[in-house]
Amino acid sequence: MTTPGTPAVLRSELGVRGSWYADRACAQRAIALALPAIEAAVARPEVSGGGFLSIVVVDPALAPGDCTFEEAILAEHPIGDRARWDADYGMFARAKARQAWLHGVDTHRLQALQPHRLRVGDVAVWGAVCLDGIVVGVSGAHPWYDEAFATMIAASLRALVKEAAARQHEPFVGPRPGAADAAR
């Protein structure tokens, strides 16, 4: 497992799976980009009655056959004092994100247009998106706001990844073959 300070060139050497660009640090930056707007909205009672929210971001390069859902989670971020939460919004955000990850579709679309795909134990509320394979689940506000906040974070992550990929000047993603050996 990498630490926040581990250089990207070492991630593959450490056996880290998943997206080269959309890693934990990138997911945290995407949350930070959207957070000012989300926090301002969550403070409004008509958006989130309690002012609480939970966010879950999933690695877009890890599919259900690659790992467990828990292993695919890149970042989680709570808003509001968890001791005062009136529900386990973290559990709901994870359940929404898991559904979107398993099915590769927004949870509103899944529940409204494809309910035949739902299984016993699936969460019956929506608020997760799958934007170009980037899954973000949010819970704590009305579901239409959860979905909007998830979309903001997913779009921010996509922009950060596009920026990083634009700086790639090698023919393959990741470190140059032999670059790690040369550094030793």
N, C-alpha and C. Protein backbone atom coordinates (compact mmCIF):
# COMPACT_ATOMS: atom_id res chain seq x y z
N MET A 1 0.85 -1.18 0.00
CA MET A 1 0.00 0.00 0.00
C MET A 1 0.89 1.24 0.00
N THR A 2 0.49 2.23 -0.75
CA THR A 2 1.28 3.45 -0.80
C THR A 2 0.85 4.40 0.30
N THR A 3 1.71 5.33 0.56
CA THR A 3 1.38 6.41 1.48
C THR A 3 1.20 7.66 0.65
N PRO A 4 0.57 8.70 1.21
CA PRO A 4 0.36 9.91 0.41
C PRO A 4 1.64 10.48 -0.18
N GLY A 5 2.79 10.26 0.44
CA GLY A 5 4.03 10.81 -0.07
C GLY A 5 4.78 9.90 -1.04
N THR A 6 4.23 8.71 -1.32
CA THR A 6 4.92 7.79 -2.20
C THR A 6 4.90 8.31 -3.63
N PRO A 7 6.07 8.44 -4.27
CA PRO A 7 6.08 8.94 -5.65
C PRO A 7 5.31 7.99 -6.57
N ALA A 8 4.65 8.57 -7.57
CA ALA A 8 3.84 7.78 -8.49
C ALA A 8 4.67 6.71 -9.18
N VAL A 9 5.92 6.98 -9.47
CA VAL A 9 6.75 6.02 -10.19
C VAL A 9 6.92 4.73 -9.41
N LEU A 10 6.76 4.76 -8.10
CA LEU A 10 6.94 3.57 -7.28
C LEU A 10 5.66 2.75 -7.08
N ARG A 11 4.51 3.29 -7.44
CA ARG A 11 3.26 2.59 -7.16
C ARG A 11 3.21 1.21 -7.80
N SER A 12 3.64 1.09 -9.05
CA SER A 12 3.59 -0.21 -9.72
C SER A 12 4.57 -1.19 -9.08
N GLU A 13 5.71 -0.71 -8.63
CA GLU A 13 6.67 -1.57 -7.97
C GLU A 13 6.12 -2.14 -6.67
N LEU A 14 5.24 -1.38 -6.04
CA LEU A 14 4.66 -1.82 -4.78
C LEU A 14 3.44 -2.71 -4.97
N GLY A 15 3.10 -3.02 -6.22
CA GLY A 15 1.98 -3.91 -6.49
C GLY A 15 0.63 -3.25 -6.38
N VAL A 16 0.56 -1.95 -6.47
CA VAL A 16 -0.71 -1.24 -6.37
C VAL A 16 -1.47 -1.42 -7.67
N ARG A 17 -2.72 -1.84 -7.55
CA ARG A 17 -3.58 -1.99 -8.72
C ARG A 17 -4.42 -0.75 -8.87
N GLY A 18 -5.08 -0.64 -10.00
CA GLY A 18 -6.02 0.45 -10.18
C GLY A 18 -5.50 1.51 -11.13
N SER A 19 -6.21 2.61 -11.15
CA SER A 19 -5.91 3.69 -12.08
C SER A 19 -4.56 4.32 -11.79
N TRP A 20 -3.79 4.55 -12.84
CA TRP A 20 -2.51 5.22 -12.70
C TRP A 20 -2.71 6.68 -12.31
N TYR A 21 -3.71 7.32 -12.92
CA TYR A 21 -3.94 8.75 -12.68
C TYR A 21 -4.94 9.01 -11.56
N ALA A 22 -6.02 8.26 -11.51
CA ALA A 22 -7.07 8.49 -10.51
C ALA A 22 -6.75 7.70 -9.25
N ASP A 23 -5.75 8.15 -8.52
CA ASP A 23 -5.37 7.48 -7.28
C ASP A 23 -6.02 8.19 -6.09
N ARG A 24 -5.66 7.76 -4.90
CA ARG A 24 -6.25 8.32 -3.67
C ARG A 24 -6.05 9.84 -3.57
N ALA A 25 -4.85 10.30 -3.87
CA ALA A 25 -4.56 11.74 -3.78
C ALA A 25 -5.40 12.52 -4.79
N CYS A 26 -5.55 11.99 -5.97
CA CYS A 26 -6.36 12.66 -7.00
C CYS A 26 -7.83 12.70 -6.57
N ALA A 27 -8.33 11.61 -5.99
CA ALA A 27 -9.72 11.58 -5.51
C ALA A 27 -9.92 12.61 -4.40
N GLN A 28 -8.95 12.74 -3.52
CA GLN A 28 -9.06 13.73 -2.45
C GLN A 28 -9.02 15.16 -3.01
N ARG A 29 -8.23 15.39 -4.05
CA ARG A 29 -8.21 16.71 -4.68
C ARG A 29 -9.55 17.00 -5.36
N ALA A 30 -10.15 15.99 -5.97
CA ALA A 30 -11.46 16.18 -6.62
C ALA A 30 -12.52 16.55 -5.58
N ILE A 31 -12.50 15.89 -4.45
CA ILE A 31 -13.44 16.23 -3.37
C ILE A 31 -13.19 17.67 -2.93
N ALA A 32 -11.93 18.03 -2.73
CA ALA A 32 -11.58 19.38 -2.28
C ALA A 32 -12.04 20.45 -3.27
N LEU A 33 -11.96 20.15 -4.57
CA LEU A 33 -12.42 21.11 -5.58
C LEU A 33 -13.92 21.39 -5.45
N ALA A 34 -14.69 20.35 -5.21
CA ALA A 34 -16.15 20.50 -5.15
C ALA A 34 -16.66 20.89 -3.76
N LEU A 35 -15.85 20.68 -2.75
CA LEU A 35 -16.29 20.84 -1.36
C LEU A 35 -16.87 22.21 -1.00
N PRO A 36 -16.29 23.34 -1.43
CA PRO A 36 -16.89 24.62 -1.04
C PRO A 36 -18.36 24.75 -1.47
N ALA A 37 -18.67 24.36 -2.68
CA ALA A 37 -20.06 24.43 -3.16
C ALA A 37 -20.94 23.43 -2.43
N ILE A 38 -20.42 22.24 -2.20
CA ILE A 38 -21.21 21.20 -1.51
C ILE A 38 -21.50 21.62 -0.07
N GLU A 39 -20.48 22.09 0.64
CA GLU A 39 -20.68 22.49 2.04
C GLU A 39 -21.67 23.66 2.15
N ALA A 40 -21.60 24.60 1.23
CA ALA A 40 -22.56 25.72 1.24
C ALA A 40 -23.98 25.22 1.02
N ALA A 41 -24.14 24.28 0.11
CA ALA A 41 -25.47 23.74 -0.17
C ALA A 41 -26.00 22.90 0.98
N VAL A 42 -25.15 22.07 1.57
CA VAL A 42 -25.56 21.19 2.66
C VAL A 42 -26.00 21.99 3.89
N ALA A 43 -25.51 23.19 4.04
CA ALA A 43 -25.90 24.04 5.17
C ALA A 43 -27.36 24.51 5.05
N ARG A 44 -27.92 24.41 3.85
CA ARG A 44 -29.31 24.83 3.64
C ARG A 44 -30.27 23.70 4.03
N PRO A 45 -31.23 23.93 4.94
CA PRO A 45 -32.13 22.87 5.40
C PRO A 45 -32.93 22.20 4.28
N GLU A 46 -33.25 22.94 3.21
CA GLU A 46 -34.02 22.33 2.13
C GLU A 46 -33.18 21.36 1.28
N VAL A 47 -31.86 21.40 1.44
CA VAL A 47 -30.96 20.49 0.72
C VAL A 47 -30.67 19.27 1.58
N SER A 48 -30.28 19.52 2.82
CA SER A 48 -29.94 18.44 3.76
C SER A 48 -30.45 18.85 5.13
N GLY A 49 -31.52 18.22 5.55
CA GLY A 49 -32.16 18.58 6.81
C GLY A 49 -31.21 18.66 7.99
N GLY A 50 -30.26 17.74 8.09
CA GLY A 50 -29.36 17.72 9.23
C GLY A 50 -28.02 18.39 9.00
N GLY A 51 -27.71 18.73 7.76
CA GLY A 51 -26.41 19.32 7.47
C GLY A 51 -25.29 18.29 7.44
N PHE A 52 -25.65 17.02 7.22
CA PHE A 52 -24.68 15.94 7.22
C PHE A 52 -24.60 15.34 5.82
N LEU A 53 -23.43 14.78 5.51
CA LEU A 53 -23.24 14.18 4.19
C LEU A 53 -22.05 13.23 4.26
N SER A 54 -22.07 12.21 3.42
CA SER A 54 -20.93 11.31 3.29
C SER A 54 -20.65 11.11 1.80
N ILE A 55 -19.38 11.08 1.45
CA ILE A 55 -18.93 10.95 0.06
C ILE A 55 -18.01 9.74 -0.06
N VAL A 56 -18.20 8.95 -1.12
CA VAL A 56 -17.35 7.79 -1.40
C VAL A 56 -16.93 7.85 -2.86
N VAL A 57 -15.63 7.75 -3.13
CA VAL A 57 -15.09 7.75 -4.49
C VAL A 57 -14.43 6.40 -4.74
N VAL A 58 -14.74 5.81 -5.91
CA VAL A 58 -14.27 4.47 -6.25
C VAL A 58 -13.24 4.55 -7.38
N ASP A 59 -12.26 3.67 -7.34
CA ASP A 59 -11.22 3.60 -8.37
C ASP A 59 -11.84 3.20 -9.71
N PRO A 60 -11.74 4.04 -10.73
CA PRO A 60 -12.38 3.74 -12.01
C PRO A 60 -11.71 2.62 -12.80
N ALA A 61 -10.51 2.20 -12.40
CA ALA A 61 -9.82 1.14 -13.13
C ALA A 61 -9.98 -0.23 -12.48
N LEU A 62 -10.69 -0.30 -11.37
CA LEU A 62 -10.93 -1.58 -10.71
C LEU A 62 -12.39 -1.99 -10.90
N ALA A 63 -12.57 -3.11 -11.57
CA ALA A 63 -13.91 -3.63 -11.85
C ALA A 63 -14.31 -4.65 -10.79
N PRO A 64 -15.59 -4.97 -10.69
CA PRO A 64 -16.02 -5.94 -9.69
C PRO A 64 -15.27 -7.27 -9.72
N GLY A 65 -14.81 -7.72 -10.86
CA GLY A 65 -14.06 -8.97 -10.93
C GLY A 65 -12.61 -8.84 -10.50
N ASP A 66 -12.13 -7.60 -10.32
CA ASP A 66 -10.74 -7.36 -9.96
C ASP A 66 -10.46 -7.41 -8.46
N CYS A 67 -11.47 -7.03 -7.67
CA CYS A 67 -11.26 -6.89 -6.23
C CYS A 67 -12.60 -6.77 -5.53
N THR A 68 -12.56 -6.67 -4.21
CA THR A 68 -13.79 -6.41 -3.47
C THR A 68 -14.12 -4.92 -3.60
N PHE A 69 -15.35 -4.58 -3.31
CA PHE A 69 -15.74 -3.18 -3.36
C PHE A 69 -14.91 -2.35 -2.38
N GLU A 70 -14.71 -2.87 -1.19
CA GLU A 70 -13.95 -2.14 -0.18
C GLU A 70 -12.53 -1.83 -0.66
N GLU A 71 -11.92 -2.76 -1.39
CA GLU A 71 -10.58 -2.53 -1.93
C GLU A 71 -10.58 -1.48 -3.04
N ALA A 72 -11.72 -1.28 -3.68
CA ALA A 72 -11.82 -0.32 -4.78
C ALA A 72 -12.06 1.11 -4.31
N ILE A 73 -12.41 1.29 -3.04
CA ILE A 73 -12.67 2.64 -2.53
C ILE A 73 -11.36 3.43 -2.47
N LEU A 74 -11.38 4.59 -3.14
CA LEU A 74 -10.21 5.49 -3.12
C LEU A 74 -10.26 6.47 -1.96
N ALA A 75 -11.45 7.00 -1.70
CA ALA A 75 -11.56 8.04 -0.67
C ALA A 75 -12.97 8.07 -0.10
N GLU A 76 -13.05 8.43 1.16
CA GLU A 76 -14.33 8.69 1.82
C GLU A 76 -14.18 10.01 2.57
N HIS A 77 -15.25 10.79 2.57
CA HIS A 77 -15.18 12.09 3.22
C HIS A 77 -16.52 12.39 3.89
N PRO A 78 -16.54 12.56 5.21
CA PRO A 78 -17.77 12.94 5.90
C PRO A 78 -17.88 14.46 6.02
N ILE A 79 -19.10 14.94 6.04
CA ILE A 79 -19.38 16.35 6.31
C ILE A 79 -20.32 16.40 7.51
N GLY A 80 -19.97 17.21 8.49
CA GLY A 80 -20.77 17.31 9.71
C GLY A 80 -20.23 16.38 10.78
N ASP A 81 -20.59 16.65 12.00
CA ASP A 81 -20.15 15.89 13.16
C ASP A 81 -20.80 14.51 13.14
N ARG A 82 -20.00 13.46 12.90
CA ARG A 82 -20.54 12.11 12.77
C ARG A 82 -21.27 11.66 14.04
N ALA A 83 -20.87 12.17 15.18
CA ALA A 83 -21.53 11.81 16.43
C ALA A 83 -22.97 12.31 16.46
N ARG A 84 -23.29 13.31 15.64
CA ARG A 84 -24.64 13.88 15.61
C ARG A 84 -25.47 13.37 14.43
N TRP A 85 -24.89 12.53 13.59
CA TRP A 85 -25.64 12.00 12.43
C TRP A 85 -26.87 11.25 12.93
N ASP A 86 -27.98 11.45 12.24
CA ASP A 86 -29.22 10.75 12.60
C ASP A 86 -29.37 9.44 11.82
N ALA A 87 -28.42 9.12 10.95
CA ALA A 87 -28.39 7.86 10.20
C ALA A 87 -26.93 7.60 9.85
N ASP A 88 -26.64 6.39 9.42
CA ASP A 88 -25.28 6.06 9.01
C ASP A 88 -25.11 6.43 7.54
N TYR A 89 -24.84 7.71 7.29
CA TYR A 89 -24.72 8.20 5.91
C TYR A 89 -23.54 7.58 5.19
N GLY A 90 -22.49 7.23 5.94
CA GLY A 90 -21.36 6.54 5.34
C GLY A 90 -21.77 5.20 4.76
N MET A 91 -22.58 4.45 5.50
CA MET A 91 -23.06 3.15 5.03
C MET A 91 -23.92 3.33 3.79
N PHE A 92 -24.80 4.33 3.80
CA PHE A 92 -25.66 4.58 2.64
C PHE A 92 -24.83 5.02 1.42
N ALA A 93 -23.85 5.89 1.62
CA ALA A 93 -23.01 6.34 0.50
C ALA A 93 -22.24 5.17 -0.09
N ARG A 94 -21.70 4.30 0.78
CA ARG A 94 -21.00 3.11 0.29
C ARG A 94 -21.94 2.17 -0.45
N ALA A 95 -23.16 1.98 0.07
CA ALA A 95 -24.13 1.09 -0.59
C ALA A 95 -24.53 1.64 -1.96
N LYS A 96 -24.73 2.94 -2.05
CA LYS A 96 -25.06 3.56 -3.35
C LYS A 96 -23.90 3.42 -4.33
N ALA A 97 -22.68 3.71 -3.85
CA ALA A 97 -21.50 3.61 -4.71
C ALA A 97 -21.29 2.16 -5.16
N ARG A 98 -21.51 1.22 -4.26
CA ARG A 98 -21.36 -0.20 -4.60
C ARG A 98 -22.32 -0.59 -5.71
N GLN A 99 -23.57 -0.15 -5.61
CA GLN A 99 -24.56 -0.45 -6.66
C GLN A 99 -24.12 0.11 -8.00
N ALA A 100 -23.70 1.36 -8.02
CA ALA A 100 -23.27 1.99 -9.27
C ALA A 100 -22.03 1.29 -9.82
N TRP A 101 -21.13 0.88 -8.95
CA TRP A 101 -19.91 0.18 -9.34
C TRP A 101 -20.22 -1.19 -9.94
N LEU A 102 -21.10 -1.93 -9.27
CA LEU A 102 -21.45 -3.28 -9.75
C LEU A 102 -22.16 -3.25 -11.10
N HIS A 103 -23.04 -2.26 -11.28
CA HIS A 103 -23.87 -2.22 -12.49
C HIS A 103 -23.35 -1.26 -13.56
N GLY A 104 -22.39 -0.39 -13.20
CA GLY A 104 -21.83 0.54 -14.17
C GLY A 104 -22.83 1.57 -14.65
N VAL A 105 -23.71 1.99 -13.74
CA VAL A 105 -24.75 2.94 -14.11
C VAL A 105 -25.15 3.77 -12.89
N ASP A 106 -25.64 4.99 -13.12
CA ASP A 106 -26.14 5.83 -12.03
C ASP A 106 -27.25 5.09 -11.28
N THR A 107 -27.32 5.30 -9.97
CA THR A 107 -28.33 4.58 -9.19
C THR A 107 -29.75 5.05 -9.49
N HIS A 108 -29.94 6.29 -9.89
CA HIS A 108 -31.30 6.72 -10.26
C HIS A 108 -31.76 5.98 -11.51
N ARG A 109 -30.90 5.90 -12.50
CA ARG A 109 -31.23 5.16 -13.73
C ARG A 109 -31.52 3.70 -13.40
N LEU A 110 -30.68 3.11 -12.56
CA LEU A 110 -30.85 1.71 -12.17
C LEU A 110 -32.21 1.49 -11.50
N GLN A 111 -32.54 2.35 -10.55
CA GLN A 111 -33.77 2.15 -9.80
C GLN A 111 -35.02 2.55 -10.57
N ALA A 112 -34.92 3.58 -11.41
CA ALA A 112 -36.10 4.06 -12.15
C ALA A 112 -36.34 3.29 -13.44
N LEU A 113 -35.27 2.91 -14.14
CA LEU A 113 -35.42 2.30 -15.46
C LEU A 113 -35.01 0.84 -15.54
N GLN A 114 -34.25 0.37 -14.57
CA GLN A 114 -33.76 -1.01 -14.61
C GLN A 114 -33.96 -1.72 -13.27
N PRO A 115 -35.13 -1.59 -12.66
CA PRO A 115 -35.31 -2.23 -11.35
C PRO A 115 -35.21 -3.75 -11.40
N HIS A 116 -35.30 -4.32 -12.59
CA HIS A 116 -35.16 -5.77 -12.72
C HIS A 116 -33.74 -6.25 -12.38
N ARG A 117 -32.79 -5.33 -12.30
CA ARG A 117 -31.41 -5.68 -11.96
C ARG A 117 -31.14 -5.62 -10.45
N LEU A 118 -32.08 -5.11 -9.68
CA LEU A 118 -31.89 -4.98 -8.23
C LEU A 118 -32.00 -6.34 -7.55
N ARG A 119 -31.22 -6.49 -6.47
CA ARG A 119 -31.18 -7.74 -5.72
C ARG A 119 -31.62 -7.50 -4.28
N VAL A 120 -31.93 -8.58 -3.60
CA VAL A 120 -32.27 -8.49 -2.18
C VAL A 120 -31.10 -7.85 -1.44
N GLY A 121 -31.40 -6.85 -0.62
CA GLY A 121 -30.37 -6.16 0.15
C GLY A 121 -29.82 -4.91 -0.51
N ASP A 122 -30.15 -4.69 -1.80
CA ASP A 122 -29.70 -3.45 -2.45
C ASP A 122 -30.37 -2.25 -1.81
N VAL A 123 -29.66 -1.15 -1.76
CA VAL A 123 -30.21 0.08 -1.20
C VAL A 123 -31.30 0.60 -2.13
N ALA A 124 -32.38 1.12 -1.56
CA ALA A 124 -33.53 1.56 -2.34
C ALA A 124 -33.58 3.06 -2.53
N VAL A 125 -32.51 3.76 -2.17
CA VAL A 125 -32.42 5.20 -2.40
C VAL A 125 -31.27 5.45 -3.37
N TRP A 126 -31.38 6.52 -4.15
CA TRP A 126 -30.35 6.80 -5.14
C TRP A 126 -29.51 7.99 -4.74
N GLY A 127 -28.42 8.19 -5.48
CA GLY A 127 -27.51 9.29 -5.17
C GLY A 127 -26.07 8.97 -5.51
N ALA A 128 -25.85 7.99 -6.38
CA ALA A 128 -24.50 7.68 -6.86
C ALA A 128 -24.50 7.81 -8.37
N VAL A 129 -23.35 8.21 -8.92
CA VAL A 129 -23.22 8.35 -10.37
C VAL A 129 -22.08 7.48 -10.87
N CYS A 130 -22.16 7.15 -12.15
CA CYS A 130 -21.10 6.47 -12.86
C CYS A 130 -20.85 7.31 -14.10
N LEU A 131 -19.88 8.21 -14.01
CA LEU A 131 -19.56 9.16 -15.09
C LEU A 131 -18.29 8.69 -15.79
N ASP A 132 -18.44 8.17 -17.00
CA ASP A 132 -17.30 7.64 -17.76
C ASP A 132 -16.51 6.62 -16.93
N GLY A 133 -17.20 5.82 -16.15
CA GLY A 133 -16.57 4.80 -15.32
C GLY A 133 -16.14 5.28 -13.96
N ILE A 134 -16.26 6.57 -13.69
CA ILE A 134 -15.91 7.13 -12.39
C ILE A 134 -17.15 7.07 -11.50
N VAL A 135 -17.06 6.29 -10.43
CA VAL A 135 -18.20 6.11 -9.53
C VAL A 135 -18.00 6.92 -8.26
N VAL A 136 -19.02 7.71 -7.92
CA VAL A 136 -19.03 8.48 -6.68
C VAL A 136 -20.42 8.29 -6.05
N GLY A 137 -20.44 7.94 -4.79
CA GLY A 137 -21.70 7.82 -4.05
C GLY A 137 -21.75 8.88 -2.97
N VAL A 138 -22.93 9.47 -2.80
CA VAL A 138 -23.13 10.51 -1.79
C VAL A 138 -24.43 10.23 -1.06
N SER A 139 -24.45 10.49 0.23
CA SER A 139 -25.67 10.32 1.00
C SER A 139 -25.74 11.35 2.11
N GLY A 140 -26.94 11.81 2.39
CA GLY A 140 -27.17 12.77 3.47
C GLY A 140 -28.11 13.88 3.08
N ALA A 141 -28.21 14.17 1.80
CA ALA A 141 -29.12 15.20 1.30
C ALA A 141 -30.29 14.50 0.58
N HIS A 142 -31.18 15.29 -0.01
CA HIS A 142 -32.19 14.68 -0.86
C HIS A 142 -31.47 13.99 -2.01
N PRO A 143 -32.03 12.90 -2.53
CA PRO A 143 -31.28 12.13 -3.54
C PRO A 143 -30.89 12.92 -4.79
N TRP A 144 -31.70 13.88 -5.19
CA TRP A 144 -31.34 14.68 -6.37
C TRP A 144 -30.12 15.55 -6.08
N TYR A 145 -29.96 15.99 -4.83
CA TYR A 145 -28.75 16.73 -4.46
C TYR A 145 -27.56 15.78 -4.27
N ASP A 146 -27.82 14.62 -3.67
CA ASP A 146 -26.75 13.62 -3.57
C ASP A 146 -26.17 13.35 -4.95
N GLU A 147 -27.05 13.16 -5.92
CA GLU A 147 -26.62 12.90 -7.30
C GLU A 147 -25.84 14.09 -7.88
N ALA A 148 -26.32 15.29 -7.61
CA ALA A 148 -25.63 16.49 -8.11
C ALA A 148 -24.23 16.60 -7.50
N PHE A 149 -24.10 16.37 -6.20
CA PHE A 149 -22.81 16.46 -5.53
C PHE A 149 -21.87 15.37 -6.06
N ALA A 150 -22.40 14.16 -6.25
CA ALA A 150 -21.59 13.06 -6.79
C ALA A 150 -21.09 13.41 -8.19
N THR A 151 -21.95 14.03 -8.99
CA THR A 151 -21.57 14.42 -10.35
C THR A 151 -20.47 15.48 -10.32
N MET A 152 -20.57 16.43 -9.40
CA MET A 152 -19.54 17.47 -9.27
C MET A 152 -18.17 16.85 -8.98
N ILE A 153 -18.16 15.89 -8.07
CA ILE A 153 -16.90 15.27 -7.68
C ILE A 153 -16.36 14.39 -8.81
N ALA A 154 -17.25 13.62 -9.45
CA ALA A 154 -16.82 12.76 -10.56
C ALA A 154 -16.27 13.60 -11.71
N ALA A 155 -16.93 14.71 -12.03
CA ALA A 155 -16.45 15.59 -13.11
C ALA A 155 -15.13 16.25 -12.73
N SER A 156 -14.96 16.58 -11.46
CA SER A 156 -13.68 17.15 -11.00
C SER A 156 -12.57 16.12 -11.11
N LEU A 157 -12.85 14.88 -10.73
CA LEU A 157 -11.85 13.82 -10.84
C LEU A 157 -11.48 13.60 -12.31
N ARG A 158 -12.48 13.59 -13.18
CA ARG A 158 -12.22 13.42 -14.61
C ARG A 158 -11.33 14.55 -15.14
N ALA A 159 -11.58 15.78 -14.71
CA ALA A 159 -10.76 16.92 -15.16
C ALA A 159 -9.33 16.80 -14.65
N LEU A 160 -9.16 16.43 -13.39
CA LEU A 160 -7.81 16.27 -12.84
C LEU A 160 -7.03 15.17 -13.56
N VAL A 161 -7.73 14.09 -13.89
CA VAL A 161 -7.08 13.00 -14.61
C VAL A 161 -6.72 13.42 -16.03
N LYS A 162 -7.61 14.15 -16.69
CA LYS A 162 -7.31 14.63 -18.05
C LYS A 162 -6.09 15.55 -18.02
N GLU A 163 -6.01 16.39 -16.99
CA GLU A 163 -4.85 17.28 -16.85
C GLU A 163 -3.56 16.47 -16.69
N ALA A 164 -3.59 15.47 -15.83
CA ALA A 164 -2.40 14.64 -15.60
C ALA A 164 -2.04 13.85 -16.86
N ALA A 165 -3.03 13.32 -17.54
CA ALA A 165 -2.77 12.54 -18.75
C ALA A 165 -2.20 13.41 -19.87
N ALA A 166 -2.60 14.67 -19.91
CA ALA A 166 -2.08 15.59 -20.93
C ALA A 166 -0.59 15.84 -20.75
N ARG A 167 -0.09 15.65 -19.54
CA ARG A 167 1.34 15.84 -19.28
C ARG A 167 2.16 14.58 -19.60
N GLN A 168 1.47 13.49 -19.91
CA GLN A 168 2.14 12.22 -20.22
C GLN A 168 2.81 12.33 -21.59
N HIS A 169 4.09 12.16 -21.64
CA HIS A 169 4.83 12.29 -22.90
C HIS A 169 5.49 10.98 -23.31
N GLU A 170 5.14 9.91 -22.66
CA GLU A 170 5.70 8.59 -22.96
C GLU A 170 4.67 7.78 -23.75
N PRO A 171 5.10 6.76 -24.47
CA PRO A 171 4.15 5.97 -25.26
C PRO A 171 3.26 5.07 -24.42
N PHE A 172 3.62 4.82 -23.15
CA PHE A 172 2.81 3.98 -22.27
C PHE A 172 2.58 4.72 -20.96
N VAL A 173 1.47 4.43 -20.33
CA VAL A 173 1.14 5.03 -19.04
C VAL A 173 2.02 4.42 -17.96
N GLY A 174 2.51 5.25 -17.05
CA GLY A 174 3.32 4.78 -15.94
C GLY A 174 4.79 5.11 -16.17
N PRO A 175 5.64 4.57 -15.32
CA PRO A 175 7.07 4.86 -15.47
C PRO A 175 7.65 4.18 -16.70
N ARG A 176 8.70 4.75 -17.21
CA ARG A 176 9.39 4.12 -18.35
C ARG A 176 9.95 2.79 -17.91
N PRO A 177 9.88 1.77 -18.77
CA PRO A 177 10.52 0.49 -18.41
C PRO A 177 11.99 0.73 -18.09
N GLY A 178 12.40 0.18 -16.97
CA GLY A 178 13.78 0.32 -16.54
C GLY A 178 14.05 1.59 -15.73
N ALA A 179 13.08 2.51 -15.63
CA ALA A 179 13.30 3.74 -14.89
C ALA A 179 13.54 3.47 -13.41
N ALA A 180 12.85 2.48 -12.88
CA ALA A 180 13.04 2.14 -11.47
C ALA A 180 14.42 1.54 -11.24
N ASP A 181 14.89 0.71 -12.19
CA ASP A 181 16.21 0.12 -12.05
C ASP A 181 17.30 1.20 -12.11
N ALA A 182 17.11 2.19 -12.98
CA ALA A 182 18.10 3.26 -13.13
C ALA A 182 18.17 4.12 -11.88
N ALA A 183 17.05 4.22 -11.15
CA ALA A 183 16.99 5.05 -9.94
C ALA A 183 17.69 4.38 -8.76
N ARG A 184 17.92 3.08 -8.86
CA ARG A 184 18.52 2.34 -7.73
C ARG A 184 19.97 2.54 -7.61
